[in-house]
C-alpha atoms as a PDB file:
ATOM      1  CA  MET A   1       0.000   0.000   0.000  1.00  0.00           C
ATOM      2  CA  THR A   2       1.453   3.359  -1.014  1.00  0.00           C
ATOM      3  CA  ALA A   3       1.817   6.286   1.366  1.00  0.00           C
ATOM      4  CA  ARG A   4      -0.624   8.293  -0.776  1.00  0.00           C
ATOM      5  CA  LEU A   5      -3.261   5.499  -0.555  1.00  0.00           C
ATOM      6  CA  ARG A   6      -2.858   5.165   3.224  1.00  0.00           C
ATOM      7  CA  THR A   7      -3.304   8.921   3.586  1.00  0.00           C
ATOM      8  CA  SER A   8      -6.446   8.852   1.430  1.00  0.00           C
ATOM      9  CA  ILE A   9      -7.952   6.028   3.518  1.00  0.00           C
ATOM     10  CA  ARG A  10      -7.220   7.848   6.780  1.00  0.00           C
ATOM     11  CA  SER A  11      -8.790  11.030   5.390  1.00  0.00           C
ATOM     12  CA  PHE A  12     -11.892   9.120   4.295  1.00  0.00           C
ATOM     13  CA  LYS A  13     -12.316   7.451   7.722  1.00  0.00           C
ATOM     14  CA  PHE A  14     -11.892  10.780   9.487  1.00  0.00           C
ATOM     15  CA  ALA A  15     -14.518  12.383   7.218  1.00  0.00           C
ATOM     16  CA  VAL A  16     -16.991   9.576   7.978  1.00  0.00           C
ATOM     17  CA  ILE A  17     -16.414   9.992  11.736  1.00  0.00           C
ATOM     18  CA  LEU A  18     -17.037  13.736  11.473  1.00  0.00           C
ATOM     19  CA  MET A  19     -20.339  13.114   9.660  1.00  0.00           C
ATOM     20  CA  LEU A  20     -21.530  10.577  12.232  1.00  0.00           C
ATOM     21  CA  LEU A  21     -20.334  12.461  15.328  1.00  0.00           C
ATOM     22  CA  PRO A  22     -23.471  14.642  15.818  1.00  0.00           C
ATOM     23  CA  LEU A  23     -25.722  11.588  15.547  1.00  0.00           C
ATOM     24  CA  LEU A  24     -23.597   9.551  17.952  1.00  0.00           C
ATOM     25  CA  GLN A  25     -23.548  12.417  20.440  1.00  0.00           C
ATOM     26  CA  ALA A  26     -27.329  12.739  20.215  1.00  0.00           C
ATOM     27  CA  CYS A  27     -27.720   9.047  21.052  1.00  0.00           C
ATOM     28  CA  SER A  28     -25.411   9.213  24.078  1.00  0.00           C
ATOM     29  CA  THR A  29     -26.578  12.323  25.883  1.00  0.00           C
ATOM     30  CA  LYS A  30     -29.036  10.580  28.203  1.00  0.00           C
ATOM     31  CA  SER A  31     -27.779  10.084  31.745  1.00  0.00           C
ATOM     32  CA  PRO A  32     -27.912   6.592  33.358  1.00  0.00           C
ATOM     33  CA  ALA A  33     -30.347   7.948  35.947  1.00  0.00           C
ATOM     34  CA  ALA A  34     -32.744   9.200  33.274  1.00  0.00           C
ATOM     35  CA  ALA A  35     -32.551   5.901  31.421  1.00  0.00           C
ATOM     36  CA  THR A  36     -33.912   3.991  34.419  1.00  0.00           C
ATOM     37  CA  ASN A  37     -36.701   6.465  35.220  1.00  0.00           C
ATOM     38  CA  VAL A  38     -39.209   5.014  32.767  1.00  0.00           C
ATOM     39  CA  GLY A  39     -42.042   7.187  34.069  1.00  0.00           C
ATOM     40  CA  ALA A  40     -40.188  10.442  33.451  1.00  0.00           C
ATOM     41  CA  GLY A  41     -41.302  13.020  30.920  1.00  0.00           C
ATOM     42  CA  VAL A  42     -40.710  12.731  27.195  1.00  0.00           C
ATOM     43  CA  SER A  43     -37.293  13.791  25.910  1.00  0.00           C
ATOM     44  CA  ARG A  44     -37.323  16.213  22.998  1.00  0.00           C
ATOM     45  CA  THR A  45     -35.054  16.981  20.091  1.00  0.00           C
ATOM     46  CA  ALA A  46     -33.497  20.350  19.346  1.00  0.00           C
ATOM     47  CA  GLU A  47     -36.496  21.006  17.079  1.00  0.00           C
ATOM     48  CA  GLY A  48     -38.881  20.409  19.990  1.00  0.00           C
ATOM     49  CA  LYS A  49     -40.226  17.090  18.689  1.00  0.00           C
ATOM     50  CA  PRO A  50     -40.500  13.974  20.875  1.00  0.00           C
ATOM     51  CA  ASP A  51     -37.274  11.990  20.751  1.00  0.00           C
ATOM     52  CA  PHE A  52     -37.904   8.302  20.079  1.00  0.00           C
ATOM     53  CA  SER A  53     -34.210   7.414  20.334  1.00  0.00           C
ATOM     54  CA  GLY A  54     -33.426   4.371  22.424  1.00  0.00           C
ATOM     55  CA  ILE A  55     -33.583   0.576  22.477  1.00  0.00           C
ATOM     56  CA  TRP A  56     -37.124  -0.793  22.537  1.00  0.00           C
ATOM     57  CA  GLU A  57     -38.895  -4.132  22.740  1.00  0.00           C
ATOM     58  CA  MET A  58     -42.506  -5.271  22.688  1.00  0.00           C
ATOM     59  CA  LYS A  59     -44.374  -5.093  25.988  1.00  0.00           C
ATOM     60  CA  LYS A  60     -44.919  -8.720  26.949  1.00  0.00           C
ATOM     61  CA  ASP A  61     -48.624  -9.587  27.267  1.00  0.00           C
ATOM     62  CA  ARG A  62     -48.405 -13.366  26.853  1.00  0.00           C
ATOM     63  CA  PRO A  63     -47.029 -15.072  29.995  1.00  0.00           C
ATOM     64  CA  CYS A  64     -44.847 -18.125  29.662  1.00  0.00           C
ATOM     65  CA  PRO A  65     -46.409 -21.440  30.771  1.00  0.00           C
ATOM     66  CA  GLN A  66     -45.571 -22.811  34.197  1.00  0.00           C
ATOM     67  CA  GLY A  67     -42.614 -24.737  32.837  1.00  0.00           C
ATOM     68  CA  GLY A  68     -41.239 -21.646  31.103  1.00  0.00           C
ATOM     69  CA  CYS A  69     -41.105 -20.574  27.470  1.00  0.00           C
ATOM     70  CA  THR A  70     -39.435 -23.055  25.148  1.00  0.00           C
ATOM     71  CA  ASP A  71     -38.283 -20.176  22.936  1.00  0.00           C
ATOM     72  CA  ASN A  72     -38.286 -16.371  23.095  1.00  0.00           C
ATOM     73  CA  GLN A  73     -41.277 -14.915  24.930  1.00  0.00           C
ATOM     74  CA  VAL A  74     -43.606 -13.359  22.370  1.00  0.00           C
ATOM     75  CA  VAL A  75     -46.744 -11.206  22.424  1.00  0.00           C
ATOM     76  CA  ASN A  76     -50.252 -12.292  21.430  1.00  0.00           C
ATOM     77  CA  GLN A  77     -50.054 -10.238  18.228  1.00  0.00           C
ATOM     78  CA  PHE A  78     -47.101 -12.327  17.090  1.00  0.00           C
ATOM     79  CA  PHE A  79     -49.528 -15.233  16.598  1.00  0.00           C
ATOM     80  CA  ASP A  80     -52.656 -13.229  15.741  1.00  0.00           C
ATOM     81  CA  ILE A  81     -52.083  -9.663  14.588  1.00  0.00           C
ATOM     82  CA  GLY A  82     -55.780  -8.988  15.184  1.00  0.00           C
ATOM     83  CA  ALA A  83     -55.739 -10.187  18.807  1.00  0.00           C
ATOM     84  CA  GLY A  84     -58.073  -7.952  20.774  1.00  0.00           C
ATOM     85  CA  LEU A  85     -60.034  -6.725  17.757  1.00  0.00           C
ATOM     86  CA  SER A  86     -63.755  -7.198  18.187  1.00  0.00           C
ATOM     87  CA  GLY A  87     -64.825  -9.772  15.615  1.00  0.00           C
ATOM     88  CA  GLY A  88     -61.245 -10.385  14.473  1.00  0.00           C
ATOM     89  CA  LEU A  89     -59.702  -9.281  11.210  1.00  0.00           C
ATOM     90  CA  PRO A  90     -62.082  -8.421   8.321  1.00  0.00           C
ATOM     91  CA  TYR A  91     -60.730 -10.958   5.834  1.00  0.00           C
ATOM     92  CA  GLN A  92     -61.820 -11.191   2.247  1.00  0.00           C
ATOM     93  CA  PRO A  93     -63.273 -14.707   1.671  1.00  0.00           C
ATOM     94  CA  TRP A  94     -60.147 -16.017  -0.046  1.00  0.00           C
ATOM     95  CA  ALA A  95     -57.908 -14.633   2.707  1.00  0.00           C
ATOM     96  CA  LYS A  96     -60.050 -16.184   5.446  1.00  0.00           C
ATOM     97  CA  GLU A  97     -59.809 -19.571   3.777  1.00  0.00           C
ATOM     98  CA  LEU A  98     -56.071 -19.155   3.283  1.00  0.00           C
ATOM     99  CA  VAL A  99     -55.500 -18.386   6.973  1.00  0.00           C
ATOM    100  CA  LYS A 100     -57.563 -21.439   7.915  1.00  0.00           C
ATOM    101  CA  GLN A 101     -55.390 -23.638   5.703  1.00  0.00           C
ATOM    102  CA  ARG A 102     -52.175 -22.165   7.055  1.00  0.00           C
ATOM    103  CA  MET A 103     -53.262 -22.678  10.659  1.00  0.00           C
ATOM    104  CA  GLU A 104     -54.239 -26.280   9.923  1.00  0.00           C
ATOM    105  CA  GLN A 105     -50.687 -26.765   8.647  1.00  0.00           C
ATOM    106  CA  ASN A 106     -49.226 -25.338  11.893  1.00  0.00           C
ATOM    107  CA  GLY A 107     -47.847 -22.364  10.001  1.00  0.00           C
ATOM    108  CA  LYS A 108     -45.075 -24.530   8.564  1.00  0.00           C
ATOM    109  CA  ASP A 109     -44.794 -22.335   5.449  1.00  0.00           C
ATOM    110  CA  ASP A 110     -44.293 -19.098   7.392  1.00  0.00           C
ATOM    111  CA  PRO A 111     -41.482 -17.333   5.462  1.00  0.00           C
ATOM    112  CA  SER A 112     -39.891 -16.165   8.737  1.00  0.00           C
ATOM    113  CA  SER A 113     -39.453 -19.776   9.839  1.00  0.00           C
ATOM    114  CA  ARG A 114     -37.345 -20.259   6.722  1.00  0.00           C
ATOM    115  CA  CYS A 115     -35.231 -17.183   7.418  1.00  0.00           C
ATOM    116  CA  ILE A 116     -36.963 -14.992   4.841  1.00  0.00           C
ATOM    117  CA  PRO A 117     -37.588 -11.407   6.053  1.00  0.00           C
ATOM    118  CA  GLY A 118     -41.001 -11.096   7.692  1.00  0.00           C
ATOM    119  CA  GLY A 119     -41.758  -7.533   6.637  1.00  0.00           C
ATOM    120  CA  LEU A 120     -42.680  -4.316   8.395  1.00  0.00           C
ATOM    121  CA  VAL A 121     -45.442  -5.614  10.686  1.00  0.00           C
ATOM    122  CA  LYS A 122     -43.508  -8.618  11.962  1.00  0.00           C
ATOM    123  CA  LEU A 123     -40.554  -6.386  12.742  1.00  0.00           C
ATOM    124  CA  HIS A 124     -42.862  -4.758  15.289  1.00  0.00           C
ATOM    125  CA  THR A 125     -44.132  -7.974  16.878  1.00  0.00           C
ATOM    126  CA  ASN A 126     -41.074 -10.221  16.913  1.00  0.00           C
ATOM    127  CA  PRO A 127     -39.432 -10.657  20.343  1.00  0.00           C
ATOM    128  CA  PHE A 128     -36.100  -9.127  19.395  1.00  0.00           C
ATOM    129  CA  ARG A 129     -34.988  -5.624  20.278  1.00  0.00           C
ATOM    130  CA  ARG A 130     -34.832  -2.615  18.008  1.00  0.00           C
ATOM    131  CA  LYS A 131     -32.910   0.663  18.268  1.00  0.00           C
ATOM    132  CA  ILE A 132     -34.339   3.959  17.048  1.00  0.00           C
ATOM    133  CA  ILE A 133     -31.920   6.631  15.845  1.00  0.00           C
ATOM    134  CA  GLN A 134     -33.546   9.957  15.063  1.00  0.00           C
ATOM    135  CA  ASN A 135     -32.395  13.187  13.485  1.00  0.00           C
ATOM    136  CA  SER A 136     -34.223  16.080  11.864  1.00  0.00           C
ATOM    137  CA  GLY A 137     -34.776  14.457   8.451  1.00  0.00           C
ATOM    138  CA  LEU A 138     -34.535  10.718   8.994  1.00  0.00           C
ATOM    139  CA  LEU A 139     -35.576   8.132  11.553  1.00  0.00           C
ATOM    140  CA  VAL A 140     -33.695   4.843  11.352  1.00  0.00           C
ATOM    141  CA  ILE A 141     -34.724   1.666  13.152  1.00  0.00           C
ATOM    142  CA  LEU A 142     -32.069  -1.029  13.583  1.00  0.00           C
ATOM    143  CA  PHE A 143     -33.325  -4.525  14.361  1.00  0.00           C
ATOM    144  CA  GLU A 144     -31.584  -7.446  16.024  1.00  0.00           C
ATOM    145  CA  ARG A 145     -33.505  -9.827  13.781  1.00  0.00           C
ATOM    146  CA  ASP A 146     -31.144 -10.539  10.862  1.00  0.00           C
ATOM    147  CA  ALA A 147     -29.356  -7.237  11.626  1.00  0.00           C
ATOM    148  CA  THR A 148     -31.829  -5.428   9.373  1.00  0.00           C
ATOM    149  CA  TYR A 149     -33.082  -1.846   9.276  1.00  0.00           C
ATOM    150  CA  ARG A 150     -35.863   0.544   8.288  1.00  0.00           C
ATOM    151  CA  GLN A 151     -35.544   4.089   6.999  1.00  0.00           C
ATOM    152  CA  ILE A 152     -38.372   6.551   7.630  1.00  0.00           C
ATOM    153  CA  TYR A 153     -37.892   9.818   5.777  1.00  0.00           C
ATOM    154  CA  THR A 154     -39.025  12.893   7.714  1.00  0.00           C
ATOM    155  CA  ASP A 155     -37.454  15.526   5.468  1.00  0.00           C
ATOM    156  CA  GLY A 156     -40.707  16.758   3.930  1.00  0.00           C
ATOM    157  CA  ARG A 157     -40.766  14.500   0.874  1.00  0.00           C
ATOM    158  CA  LEU A 158     -44.096  13.060  -0.257  1.00  0.00           C
ATOM    159  CA  LEU A 159     -44.989   9.400  -0.354  1.00  0.00           C
ATOM    160  CA  PRO A 160     -44.580   8.236  -3.966  1.00  0.00           C
ATOM    161  CA  SER A 161     -47.712   7.164  -5.814  1.00  0.00           C
ATOM    162  CA  GLU A 162     -46.032   3.881  -6.708  1.00  0.00           C
ATOM    163  CA  VAL A 163     -42.746   2.072  -6.088  1.00  0.00           C
ATOM    164  CA  ASP A 164     -40.697   0.604  -8.947  1.00  0.00           C
ATOM    165  CA  LEU A 165     -38.855  -1.938  -6.774  1.00  0.00           C
ATOM    166  CA  PRO A 166     -41.085  -3.373  -4.036  1.00  0.00           C
ATOM    167  CA  SER A 167     -39.346  -4.651  -0.909  1.00  0.00           C
ATOM    168  CA  PHE A 168     -40.150  -6.489   2.314  1.00  0.00           C
ATOM    169  CA  ASN A 169     -40.436  -3.259   4.336  1.00  0.00           C
ATOM    170  CA  GLY A 170     -41.662  -0.988   1.550  1.00  0.00           C
ATOM    171  CA  VAL A 171     -40.960   2.740   1.332  1.00  0.00           C
ATOM    172  CA  SER A 172     -41.800   4.849   4.404  1.00  0.00           C
ATOM    173  CA  VAL A 173     -42.363   8.602   4.724  1.00  0.00           C
ATOM    174  CA  GLY A 174     -43.227  10.338   7.984  1.00  0.00           C
ATOM    175  CA  ALA A 175     -44.692  13.705   8.995  1.00  0.00           C
ATOM    176  CA  TRP A 176     -45.490  15.205  12.393  1.00  0.00           C
ATOM    177  CA  ASP A 177     -49.036  15.642  13.665  1.00  0.00           C
ATOM    178  CA  GLY A 178     -48.384  17.493  16.915  1.00  0.00           C
ATOM    179  CA  ASP A 179     -46.340  15.090  19.061  1.00  0.00           C
ATOM    180  CA  THR A 180     -47.263  12.062  16.937  1.00  0.00           C
ATOM    181  CA  LEU A 181     -45.122  10.890  14.022  1.00  0.00           C
ATOM    182  CA  VAL A 182     -47.421   9.628  11.252  1.00  0.00           C
ATOM    183  CA  VAL A 183     -45.651   7.189   8.917  1.00  0.00           C
ATOM    184  CA  GLN A 184     -47.128   5.933   5.652  1.00  0.00           C
ATOM    185  CA  SER A 185     -45.647   2.986   3.773  1.00  0.00           C
ATOM    186  CA  ILE A 186     -46.317   1.353   0.393  1.00  0.00           C
ATOM    187  CA  GLY A 187     -44.392  -0.797  -2.080  1.00  0.00           C
ATOM    188  CA  PHE A 188     -44.494  -4.207  -0.386  1.00  0.00           C
ATOM    189  CA  LYS A 189     -43.033  -7.235  -2.084  1.00  0.00           C
ATOM    190  CA  GLN A 190     -45.479  -9.808  -3.409  1.00  0.00           C
ATOM    191  CA  GLY A 191     -45.024 -12.960  -5.453  1.00  0.00           C
ATOM    192  CA  ASP A 192     -47.071 -14.065  -8.444  1.00  0.00           C
ATOM    193  CA  THR A 193     -50.437 -13.916  -6.623  1.00  0.00           C
ATOM    194  CA  GLU A 194     -51.982 -12.192  -3.623  1.00  0.00           C
ATOM    195  CA  LYS A 195     -51.267 -15.348  -1.615  1.00  0.00           C
ATOM    196  CA  ASP A 196     -47.529 -14.858  -2.059  1.00  0.00           C
ATOM    197  CA  GLY A 197     -47.028 -11.682  -0.051  1.00  0.00           C
ATOM    198  CA  ALA A 198     -45.850 -11.279   3.540  1.00  0.00           C
ATOM    199  CA  TRP A 199     -47.409 -13.043   6.521  1.00  0.00           C
ATOM    200  CA  LEU A 200     -48.516 -10.523   9.141  1.00  0.00           C
ATOM    201  CA  ASP A 201     -48.554 -13.123  11.926  1.00  0.00           C
ATOM    202  CA  ARG A 202     -47.943 -16.778  12.667  1.00  0.00           C
ATOM    203  CA  ASN A 203     -51.547 -17.577  11.695  1.00  0.00           C
ATOM    204  CA  GLY A 204     -50.719 -16.487   8.162  1.00  0.00           C
ATOM    205  CA  SER A 205     -52.785 -13.304   7.767  1.00  0.00           C
ATOM    206  CA  PRO A 206     -51.782 -12.073   4.281  1.00  0.00           C
ATOM    207  CA  LEU A 207     -50.487  -8.746   3.032  1.00  0.00           C
ATOM    208  CA  THR A 208     -50.651  -8.022  -0.698  1.00  0.00           C
ATOM    209  CA  GLY A 209     -48.683  -5.628  -2.861  1.00  0.00           C
ATOM    210  CA  ALA A 210     -51.670  -3.263  -2.900  1.00  0.00           C
ATOM    211  CA  ALA A 211     -51.409  -2.559   0.830  1.00  0.00           C
ATOM    212  CA  LYS A 212     -50.800   0.786   2.478  1.00  0.00           C
ATOM    213  CA  ILE A 213     -49.716   0.789   6.117  1.00  0.00           C
ATOM    214  CA  THR A 214     -49.997   3.809   8.389  1.00  0.00           C
ATOM    215  CA  GLU A 215     -48.185   3.939  11.742  1.00  0.00           C
ATOM    216  CA  ARG A 216     -48.728   6.603  14.384  1.00  0.00           C
ATOM    217  CA  PHE A 217     -45.728   6.683  16.753  1.00  0.00           C
ATOM    218  CA  ARG A 218     -46.343   8.354  20.127  1.00  0.00           C
ATOM    219  CA  ARG A 219     -43.982   8.364  23.085  1.00  0.00           C
ATOM    220  CA  VAL A 220     -46.376   8.142  26.017  1.00  0.00           C
ATOM    221  CA  ASP A 221     -43.646   8.828  28.563  1.00  0.00           C
ATOM    222  CA  HIS A 222     -39.925   8.148  28.861  1.00  0.00           C
ATOM    223  CA  GLY A 223     -40.335   4.385  29.046  1.00  0.00           C
ATOM    224  CA  ASN A 224     -43.327   3.661  26.809  1.00  0.00           C
ATOM    225  CA  LEU A 225     -43.843   3.911  23.065  1.00  0.00           C
ATOM    226  CA  GLU A 226     -47.249   3.412  21.452  1.00  0.00           C
ATOM    227  CA  VAL A 227     -47.672   2.577  17.772  1.00  0.00           C
ATOM    228  CA  MET A 228     -51.147   2.664  16.257  1.00  0.00           C
ATOM    229  CA  LEU A 229     -50.858   0.606  13.067  1.00  0.00           C
ATOM    230  CA  THR A 230     -53.487   0.663  10.317  1.00  0.00           C
ATOM    231  CA  VAL A 231     -53.504  -1.772   7.407  1.00  0.00           C
ATOM    232  CA  ASN A 232     -55.450  -0.739   4.317  1.00  0.00           C
ATOM    233  CA  ASP A 233     -55.284  -3.674   1.913  1.00  0.00           C
ATOM    234  CA  PRO A 234     -58.566  -3.985  -0.028  1.00  0.00           C
ATOM    235  CA  LYS A 235     -57.414  -7.091  -1.871  1.00  0.00           C
ATOM    236  CA  ALA A 236     -57.077  -9.069   1.367  1.00  0.00           C
ATOM    237  CA  TYR A 237     -59.475  -7.285   3.758  1.00  0.00           C
ATOM    238  CA  THR A 238     -62.992  -5.889   3.425  1.00  0.00           C
ATOM    239  CA  ALA A 239     -62.108  -2.744   5.402  1.00  0.00           C
ATOM    240  CA  PRO A 240     -59.032  -1.048   6.898  1.00  0.00           C
ATOM    241  CA  TRP A 241     -58.225  -2.143  10.452  1.00  0.00           C
ATOM    242  CA  THR A 242     -56.137  -0.665  13.269  1.00  0.00           C
ATOM    243  CA  ILE A 243     -54.263  -2.238  16.173  1.00  0.00           C
ATOM    244  CA  LYS A 244     -52.173  -0.829  19.022  1.00  0.00           C
ATOM    245  CA  LEU A 245     -48.616  -2.035  19.560  1.00  0.00           C
ATOM    246  CA  ASN A 246     -47.035  -1.244  22.928  1.00  0.00           C
ATOM    247  CA  GLN A 247     -43.270  -1.085  23.268  1.00  0.00           C
ATOM    248  CA  VAL A 248     -41.146  -0.488  26.341  1.00  0.00           C
ATOM    249  CA  LEU A 249     -37.699   1.038  26.726  1.00  0.00           C
ATOM    250  CA  ALA A 250     -34.943  -1.474  27.513  1.00  0.00           C
ATOM    251  CA  THR A 251     -33.182  -0.292  30.669  1.00  0.00           C
ATOM    252  CA  ASP A 252     -30.733  -3.115  31.379  1.00  0.00           C
ATOM    253  CA  GLY A 253     -27.880  -1.400  29.526  1.00  0.00           C
ATOM    254  CA  GLN A 254     -27.592  -4.140  26.895  1.00  0.00           C
ATOM    255  CA  ASP A 255     -27.083  -3.014  23.303  1.00  0.00           C
ATOM    256  CA  LEU A 256     -28.354  -4.861  20.245  1.00  0.00           C
ATOM    257  CA  LEU A 257     -27.021  -8.345  19.574  1.00  0.00           C
ATOM    258  CA  ASP A 258     -27.215  -9.594  15.992  1.00  0.00           C
ATOM    259  CA  TYR A 259     -29.588 -12.532  15.549  1.00  0.00           C
ATOM    260  CA  ASN A 260     -28.928 -14.255  12.240  1.00  0.00           C
ATOM    261  CA  CYS A 261     -31.652 -16.755  11.438  1.00  0.00           C
ATOM    262  CA  THR A 262     -29.517 -18.813   9.061  1.00  0.00           C
ATOM    263  CA  GLU A 263     -26.693 -19.323  11.566  1.00  0.00           C
ATOM    264  CA  ASN A 264     -26.729 -22.974  12.644  1.00  0.00           C
ATOM    265  CA  GLU A 265     -30.316 -23.263  11.330  1.00  0.00           C
ATOM    266  CA  ARG A 266     -31.663 -26.803  11.770  1.00  0.00           C
ATOM    267  CA  ASP A 267     -35.396 -26.296  12.179  1.00  0.00           C
ATOM    268  CA  ALA A 268     -36.784 -25.992   8.635  1.00  0.00           C
ATOM    269  CA  VAL A 269     -36.491 -29.705   7.838  1.00  0.00           C
ATOM    270  CA  HIS A 270     -38.538 -30.527  10.944  1.00  0.00           C
ATOM    271  CA  LEU A 271     -41.471 -28.178  10.178  1.00  0.00           C
ATOM    272  CA  VAL A 272     -44.527 -30.306   9.516  1.00  0.00           C
ATOM    273  CA  GLY A 273     -48.215 -29.698   8.952  1.00  0.00           C
ATOM    274  CA  LYS A 274     -50.962 -32.261   9.186  1.00  0.00           C
END
């Protein structure tokens, strides 16, 4: 390696550090005492908006059995995204039949069980932690699950009318409504038919490429984050429906730990239905 090349690399690394320094400082300004006071008031950014920064996880509402959980403790919405909705989810007839078939097969074809990304909704309900990093024009969520991420643009851009390259998490644009961040997402990956999109839960509730998802993020207090999530997918459901997802701030001082589904994976061959 030449001296000129080494100098160029050092200059590039230093430039990257300078660009990231304000964001890193913003994520490290909370005192240990404040981090443990989950009932404290809501922290705010320099712009006066609620600061969602921190490490979060779903608020556990499904106790482990007496003998303990055989795997990670999950929430009811992990199995049934419509848990708590009066009358359940408003499935289209084909979607209702599809969910019935998937449940009869013990959910063995769940893409997540085969290490395929689960999509935006499952990133909320899975038992792994997520870290929110927020600045004035972008909110980034880092997930332990497969070390993945979401980008939510808050720089004033509009949600596109369509997306050329659909993806598991779609394209997300956010805007403030008072102290609530309203995020709209479209452009979800789908296979050849409506049956080949993401599973919203272990039961197999479908999401098609025509879906639009709206999330309303509200930091209730220092230790609690509420997300009101609305799915508008007329191909799979007869009406839009809304659920509430409760997350709590992790206060044990542990940072994210990568969980890679494919590492030492031995389960897929043992997944059976009837």
